[in-house]
C-alpha atoms as a PDB file:
ATOM      1  CA  UNK A   1     -38.075 -73.300 -10.614  1.00  0.00           C
ATOM      2  CA  UNK A   2     -34.332 -73.926 -10.633  1.00  0.00           C
ATOM      3  CA  UNK A   3     -32.546 -75.041 -13.772  1.00  0.00           C
ATOM      4  CA  UNK A   4     -29.516 -76.984 -12.547  1.00  0.00           C
ATOM      5  CA  UNK A   5     -26.015 -77.345 -13.920  1.00  0.00           C
ATOM      6  CA  UNK A   6     -24.819 -80.575 -15.473  1.00  0.00           C
ATOM      7  CA  UNK A   7     -23.174 -82.395 -12.550  1.00  0.00           C
ATOM      8  CA  UNK A   8     -20.061 -83.374 -14.507  1.00  0.00           C
ATOM      9  CA  UNK A   9     -19.260 -79.698 -15.079  1.00  0.00           C
ATOM     10  CA  UNK A  10     -19.585 -78.933 -11.372  1.00  0.00           C
ATOM     11  CA  UNK A  11     -17.318 -81.788 -10.313  1.00  0.00           C
ATOM     12  CA  UNK A  12     -14.692 -80.809 -12.889  1.00  0.00           C
ATOM     13  CA  UNK A  13     -14.782 -77.315 -11.388  1.00  0.00           C
ATOM     14  CA  UNK A  14     -14.240 -78.768  -7.899  1.00  0.00           C
ATOM     15  CA  UNK A  15     -11.404 -81.072  -8.989  1.00  0.00           C
ATOM     16  CA  UNK A  16      -9.602 -78.316 -10.892  1.00  0.00           C
ATOM     17  CA  UNK A  17      -9.859 -75.992  -7.873  1.00  0.00           C
ATOM     18  CA  UNK A  18      -8.387 -78.612  -5.550  1.00  0.00           C
ATOM     19  CA  UNK A  19      -5.592 -79.407  -8.025  1.00  0.00           C
ATOM     20  CA  UNK A  20      -4.653 -75.735  -8.398  1.00  0.00           C
ATOM     21  CA  UNK A  21      -4.502 -75.322  -4.624  1.00  0.00           C
ATOM     22  CA  UNK A  22      -2.413 -78.503  -4.301  1.00  0.00           C
ATOM     23  CA  UNK A  23      -0.080 -77.127  -6.975  1.00  0.00           C
ATOM     24  CA  UNK A  24       0.260 -73.894  -5.057  1.00  0.00           C
ATOM     25  CA  UNK A  25       1.144 -75.724  -1.837  1.00  0.00           C
ATOM     26  CA  UNK A  26       3.697 -77.803  -3.737  1.00  0.00           C
ATOM     27  CA  UNK A  27       5.138 -74.622  -5.236  1.00  0.00           C
ATOM     28  CA  UNK A  28       5.433 -72.938  -1.830  1.00  0.00           C
ATOM     29  CA  UNK A  29       7.380 -75.837  -0.321  1.00  0.00           C
ATOM     30  CA  UNK A  30       9.611 -76.877  -3.202  1.00  0.00           C
ATOM     31  CA  UNK A  31      10.546 -73.703  -5.057  1.00  0.00           C
ATOM     32  CA  UNK A  32      12.113 -70.367  -4.450  1.00  0.00           C
ATOM     33  CA  UNK A  33      12.307 -67.083  -6.270  1.00  0.00           C
ATOM     34  CA  UNK A  34       9.808 -66.835  -9.104  1.00  0.00           C
ATOM     35  CA  UNK A  35       8.304 -70.232  -8.282  1.00  0.00           C
ATOM     36  CA  UNK A  36       6.693 -68.783  -5.169  1.00  0.00           C
ATOM     37  CA  UNK A  37       4.868 -66.209  -7.290  1.00  0.00           C
ATOM     38  CA  UNK A  38       3.589 -68.989  -9.534  1.00  0.00           C
ATOM     39  CA  UNK A  39       2.308 -70.624  -6.346  1.00  0.00           C
ATOM     40  CA  UNK A  40       0.338 -67.478  -5.517  1.00  0.00           C
ATOM     41  CA  UNK A  41      -1.175 -67.490  -9.021  1.00  0.00           C
ATOM     42  CA  UNK A  42      -2.171 -71.151  -8.586  1.00  0.00           C
ATOM     43  CA  UNK A  43      -3.675 -70.377  -5.188  1.00  0.00           C
ATOM     44  CA  UNK A  44      -5.808 -67.522  -6.527  1.00  0.00           C
ATOM     45  CA  UNK A  45      -6.931 -69.612  -9.511  1.00  0.00           C
ATOM     46  CA  UNK A  46      -7.836 -72.520  -7.234  1.00  0.00           C
ATOM     47  CA  UNK A  47      -9.822 -70.302  -4.885  1.00  0.00           C
ATOM     48  CA  UNK A  48     -11.734 -68.827  -7.835  1.00  0.00           C
ATOM     49  CA  UNK A  49     -12.565 -72.313  -9.129  1.00  0.00           C
ATOM     50  CA  UNK A  50     -13.808 -73.397  -5.698  1.00  0.00           C
ATOM     51  CA  UNK A  51     -15.827 -70.184  -5.306  1.00  0.00           C
ATOM     52  CA  UNK A  52     -17.435 -70.815  -8.677  1.00  0.00           C
ATOM     53  CA  UNK A  53     -18.239 -74.402  -7.631  1.00  0.00           C
ATOM     54  CA  UNK A  54     -19.903 -73.382  -4.366  1.00  0.00           C
ATOM     55  CA  UNK A  55     -21.691 -70.429  -5.991  1.00  0.00           C
ATOM     56  CA  UNK A  56     -23.180 -72.576  -8.769  1.00  0.00           C
ATOM     57  CA  UNK A  57     -23.696 -75.778  -6.813  1.00  0.00           C
ATOM     58  CA  UNK A  58     -27.480 -75.854  -7.104  1.00  0.00           C
ATOM     59  CA  UNK A  59     -28.620 -73.718 -10.050  1.00  0.00           C
ATOM     60  CA  UNK A  60     -27.786 -72.205 -13.406  1.00  0.00           C
ATOM     61  CA  UNK A  61     -31.045 -70.379 -14.077  1.00  0.00           C
ATOM     62  CA  UNK A  62     -33.912 -69.379 -11.817  1.00  0.00           C
ATOM     63  CA  UNK A  63     -37.413 -68.972 -13.241  1.00  0.00           C
ATOM     64  CA  UNK A  64     -39.673 -67.178 -10.754  1.00  0.00           C
ATOM     65  CA  UNK A  65     -42.307 -64.459 -10.794  1.00  0.00           C
ATOM     66  CA  UNK A  66     -42.609 -64.526 -14.601  1.00  0.00           C
ATOM     67  CA  UNK A  67     -38.909 -63.820 -15.117  1.00  0.00           C
ATOM     68  CA  UNK A  68     -35.801 -65.788 -15.956  1.00  0.00           C
ATOM     69  CA  UNK A  69     -32.532 -64.984 -14.227  1.00  0.00           C
ATOM     70  CA  UNK A  70     -29.010 -66.216 -14.914  1.00  0.00           C
ATOM     71  CA  UNK A  71     -26.549 -65.868 -12.063  1.00  0.00           C
ATOM     72  CA  UNK A  72     -22.814 -65.880 -12.510  1.00  0.00           C
ATOM     73  CA  UNK A  73     -19.748 -65.689 -10.316  1.00  0.00           C
ATOM     74  CA  UNK A  74     -19.788 -63.131  -7.464  1.00  0.00           C
ATOM     75  CA  UNK A  75     -23.436 -62.131  -7.810  1.00  0.00           C
ATOM     76  CA  UNK A  76     -23.395 -60.970 -11.414  1.00  0.00           C
ATOM     77  CA  UNK A  77     -26.786 -61.696 -12.948  1.00  0.00           C
ATOM     78  CA  UNK A  78     -28.826 -61.168 -16.066  1.00  0.00           C
ATOM     79  CA  UNK A  79     -32.600 -60.959 -15.679  1.00  0.00           C
ATOM     80  CA  UNK A  80     -35.359 -60.911 -18.290  1.00  0.00           C
ATOM     81  CA  UNK A  81     -39.120 -60.983 -17.863  1.00  0.00           C
ATOM     82  CA  UNK A  82     -40.799 -63.845 -19.706  1.00  0.00           C
ATOM     83  CA  UNK A  83     -43.395 -61.545 -21.271  1.00  0.00           C
ATOM     84  CA  UNK A  84     -40.584 -59.383 -22.736  1.00  0.00           C
ATOM     85  CA  UNK A  85     -39.183 -62.277 -24.788  1.00  0.00           C
ATOM     86  CA  UNK A  86     -39.824 -61.677 -28.477  1.00  0.00           C
ATOM     87  CA  UNK A  87     -37.686 -64.371 -30.109  1.00  0.00           C
ATOM     88  CA  UNK A  88     -36.020 -67.618 -29.093  1.00  0.00           C
ATOM     89  CA  UNK A  89     -33.213 -68.787 -31.348  1.00  0.00           C
ATOM     90  CA  UNK A  90     -30.985 -71.839 -31.267  1.00  0.00           C
ATOM     91  CA  UNK A  91     -27.487 -70.914 -32.441  1.00  0.00           C
ATOM     92  CA  UNK A  92     -24.410 -73.146 -32.068  1.00  0.00           C
ATOM     93  CA  UNK A  93     -26.029 -75.263 -29.366  1.00  0.00           C
ATOM     94  CA  UNK A  94     -27.156 -72.273 -27.302  1.00  0.00           C
ATOM     95  CA  UNK A  95     -30.577 -70.739 -26.770  1.00  0.00           C
ATOM     96  CA  UNK A  96     -30.652 -66.997 -27.336  1.00  0.00           C
ATOM     97  CA  UNK A  97     -33.579 -65.094 -25.841  1.00  0.00           C
ATOM     98  CA  UNK A  98     -34.097 -61.621 -27.261  1.00  0.00           C
ATOM     99  CA  UNK A  99     -36.254 -58.704 -26.234  1.00  0.00           C
ATOM    100  CA  UNK A 100     -36.187 -55.058 -27.322  1.00  0.00           C
ATOM    101  CA  UNK A 101     -33.361 -54.131 -24.966  1.00  0.00           C
ATOM    102  CA  UNK A 102     -31.873 -57.382 -23.645  1.00  0.00           C
ATOM    103  CA  UNK A 103     -30.268 -60.543 -24.903  1.00  0.00           C
ATOM    104  CA  UNK A 104     -29.809 -63.642 -22.766  1.00  0.00           C
ATOM    105  CA  UNK A 105     -27.684 -66.544 -23.987  1.00  0.00           C
ATOM    106  CA  UNK A 106     -28.278 -69.923 -22.349  1.00  0.00           C
ATOM    107  CA  UNK A 107     -25.640 -72.609 -22.855  1.00  0.00           C
ATOM    108  CA  UNK A 108     -27.442 -75.926 -23.292  1.00  0.00           C
ATOM    109  CA  UNK A 109     -24.339 -78.012 -22.570  1.00  0.00           C
ATOM    110  CA  UNK A 110     -24.230 -76.696 -18.995  1.00  0.00           C
ATOM    111  CA  UNK A 111     -27.800 -77.774 -18.144  1.00  0.00           C
ATOM    112  CA  UNK A 112     -28.777 -81.075 -16.549  1.00  0.00           C
ATOM    113  CA  UNK A 113     -31.096 -83.145 -18.821  1.00  0.00           C
ATOM    114  CA  UNK A 114     -34.251 -83.132 -16.600  1.00  0.00           C
ATOM    115  CA  UNK A 115     -33.836 -79.393 -16.094  1.00  0.00           C
ATOM    116  CA  UNK A 116     -33.482 -78.890 -19.852  1.00  0.00           C
ATOM    117  CA  UNK A 117     -36.860 -80.539 -20.395  1.00  0.00           C
ATOM    118  CA  UNK A 118     -38.415 -78.179 -17.818  1.00  0.00           C
ATOM    119  CA  UNK A 119     -36.830 -75.195 -19.571  1.00  0.00           C
ATOM    120  CA  UNK A 120     -38.203 -76.258 -22.962  1.00  0.00           C
ATOM    121  CA  UNK A 121     -41.654 -76.669 -21.397  1.00  0.00           C
ATOM    122  CA  UNK A 122     -41.448 -73.084 -20.097  1.00  0.00           C
ATOM    123  CA  UNK A 123     -40.428 -71.835 -23.542  1.00  0.00           C
ATOM    124  CA  UNK A 124     -43.332 -73.671 -25.176  1.00  0.00           C
ATOM    125  CA  UNK A 125     -45.762 -72.090 -22.709  1.00  0.00           C
ATOM    126  CA  UNK A 126     -44.802 -68.598 -23.948  1.00  0.00           C
ATOM    127  CA  UNK A 127     -46.934 -69.078 -27.105  1.00  0.00           C
ATOM    128  CA  UNK A 128     -44.628 -67.189 -29.446  1.00  0.00           C
ATOM    129  CA  UNK A 129     -45.437 -67.185 -33.181  1.00  0.00           C
ATOM    130  CA  UNK A 130     -43.810 -69.986 -35.202  1.00  0.00           C
ATOM    131  CA  UNK A 131     -41.464 -67.559 -36.996  1.00  0.00           C
ATOM    132  CA  UNK A 132     -40.155 -66.196 -33.655  1.00  0.00           C
ATOM    133  CA  UNK A 133     -39.096 -69.522 -32.113  1.00  0.00           C
ATOM    134  CA  UNK A 134     -37.473 -72.763 -33.185  1.00  0.00           C
ATOM    135  CA  UNK A 135     -39.767 -74.840 -30.947  1.00  0.00           C
ATOM    136  CA  UNK A 136     -42.859 -76.463 -32.466  1.00  0.00           C
ATOM    137  CA  UNK A 137     -46.139 -75.540 -30.798  1.00  0.00           C
END
């Protein structure tokens, strides 16, 4: 199961990447000296924004084979087995999953609404004690 990003966040990422690259092109043509170096900084920033957009285009979290995995830019990932989860907390609008050795923080604002409902359904199916989760059984 794929938990998808909120589409508005993805499109803002795409627009900001295109604007940074446009700024770099403008800087290359209409400046000299230090302005060219600013253009290189804009170009790198724009490429990173576009890479983040294409990397995260379809998912934020992946729940497969009794594990939950969060992938980030350039292949960085955090993985936790669902049976390892001991507590689920809601702090400052984020879900924090804790086990003995790992901690996974899920930002709710980044998740698409239908995917958020699927995620809550998965959390409810874990059958954690009432004092270990904020979700009602």
